[in-house]
Amino acid sequence: MGFLKRTHKKFEYKPRYYKGEGNPFKIEHKLDKFRSTTGKNKNLKTKFSDAFDDLKNSDKSVNKTLLIITSILVLIFLYIIDFDLSIFKGN
């Protein structure tokens, strides 16, 4: 009755070409070590305060570029839907 008593086979898998350090199966983003809000702090209030500090100390040129791109996209959207400015006139 050997067919009723089966054991699962176990395999040890080692990547053939991986020569790096650490676990090759660990999923981690490349930039997580540079972020302050990725889970080092377990407190929600601390995460929010870190996020606001990052926002305050962010690069100003990036914010300006983002504002310009957003405004251009809004204007293109308004042009596509044929937005009429005459609705803001009084009479």
Protein backbone atom coordinates (compact mmCIF):
# COMPACT_ATOMS: atom_id res chain seq x y z
CA MET A 1 0.00 0.00 0.00
CA GLY A 2 2.79 2.39 -0.86
CA PHE A 3 0.61 4.56 -3.04
CA LEU A 4 -1.44 5.75 -0.04
CA LYS A 5 1.60 6.84 1.94
CA ARG A 6 3.32 9.45 -0.23
CA THR A 7 5.80 12.05 0.91
CA HIS A 8 6.39 15.33 -0.84
CA LYS A 9 9.72 15.83 -2.50
CA LYS A 10 11.79 18.79 -1.34
CA PHE A 11 14.22 20.66 -3.55
CA GLU A 12 16.93 23.13 -2.70
CA TYR A 13 16.99 25.79 -5.40
CA LYS A 14 20.03 27.98 -5.80
CA PRO A 15 20.14 30.52 -8.64
CA ARG A 16 22.82 29.55 -11.13
CA TYR A 17 24.15 32.98 -12.07
CA TYR A 18 23.47 35.01 -8.92
CA LYS A 19 26.75 36.11 -7.32
CA GLY A 20 25.46 38.97 -5.16
CA GLU A 21 24.97 39.29 -1.44
CA GLY A 22 21.81 38.60 0.48
CA ASN A 23 18.66 36.81 -0.52
CA PRO A 24 17.95 37.03 -4.28
CA PHE A 25 14.25 36.36 -3.65
CA LYS A 26 13.72 39.31 -1.32
CA ILE A 27 11.54 41.89 -3.05
CA GLU A 28 12.72 45.38 -2.22
CA HIS A 29 12.52 48.56 -4.22
CA LYS A 30 15.83 50.09 -5.18
CA LEU A 31 15.02 53.47 -3.61
CA ASP A 32 13.49 52.24 -0.34
CA LYS A 33 16.71 52.81 1.56
CA PHE A 34 16.59 56.53 0.67
CA ARG A 35 12.96 57.10 1.69
CA SER A 36 11.99 58.08 5.19
CA THR A 37 8.34 56.96 4.95
CA THR A 38 8.70 53.32 3.87
CA GLY A 39 7.90 51.62 7.14
CA LYS A 40 10.80 52.28 9.46
CA ASN A 41 8.36 54.03 11.75
CA LYS A 42 5.30 52.10 12.84
CA ASN A 43 3.42 55.09 14.20
CA LEU A 44 0.95 56.66 11.74
CA LYS A 45 1.50 60.15 13.11
CA THR A 46 5.25 59.83 12.59
CA LYS A 47 4.74 58.64 9.02
CA PHE A 48 2.58 61.65 8.23
CA SER A 49 5.01 64.08 9.84
CA ASP A 50 7.90 62.54 7.86
CA ALA A 51 5.88 62.83 4.64
CA PHE A 52 5.10 66.49 5.30
CA ASP A 53 8.76 67.19 6.11
CA ASP A 54 9.77 65.58 2.80
CA LEU A 55 7.17 67.72 1.03
CA LYS A 56 8.45 70.92 2.67
CA ASN A 57 12.08 70.12 1.94
CA SER A 58 11.52 68.92 -1.61
CA ASP A 59 13.20 70.36 -4.67
CA LYS A 60 11.48 73.57 -5.79
CA SER A 61 12.28 73.08 -9.47
CA VAL A 62 10.39 69.78 -9.45
CA ASN A 63 7.33 71.50 -7.98
CA LYS A 64 7.50 74.24 -10.62
CA THR A 65 7.83 71.71 -13.44
CA LEU A 66 4.91 69.70 -12.08
CA LEU A 67 2.77 72.86 -11.90
CA ILE A 68 3.62 73.80 -15.49
CA ILE A 69 2.86 70.32 -16.82
CA THR A 70 -0.43 70.17 -14.92
CA SER A 71 -1.55 73.57 -16.20
CA ILE A 72 -0.70 72.65 -19.80
CA LEU A 73 -2.67 69.41 -19.52
CA VAL A 74 -5.66 71.26 -18.05
CA LEU A 75 -5.59 73.79 -20.89
CA ILE A 76 -5.41 71.00 -23.48
CA PHE A 77 -8.35 69.28 -21.80
CA LEU A 78 -10.40 72.50 -21.81
CA TYR A 79 -9.59 73.01 -25.50
CA ILE A 80 -10.67 69.46 -26.35
CA ILE A 81 -14.04 69.82 -24.62
CA ASP A 82 -14.57 73.27 -26.20
CA PHE A 83 -14.82 75.11 -22.92
CA ASP A 84 -16.42 78.52 -23.39
CA LEU A 85 -15.36 81.41 -21.12
CA SER A 86 -18.56 83.37 -21.87
CA ILE A 87 -20.36 81.51 -19.06
CA PHE A 88 -18.49 83.73 -16.57
CA LYS A 89 -19.89 86.98 -18.01
CA GLY A 90 -22.73 88.63 -16.08
CA ASN A 91 -25.25 89.46 -18.83
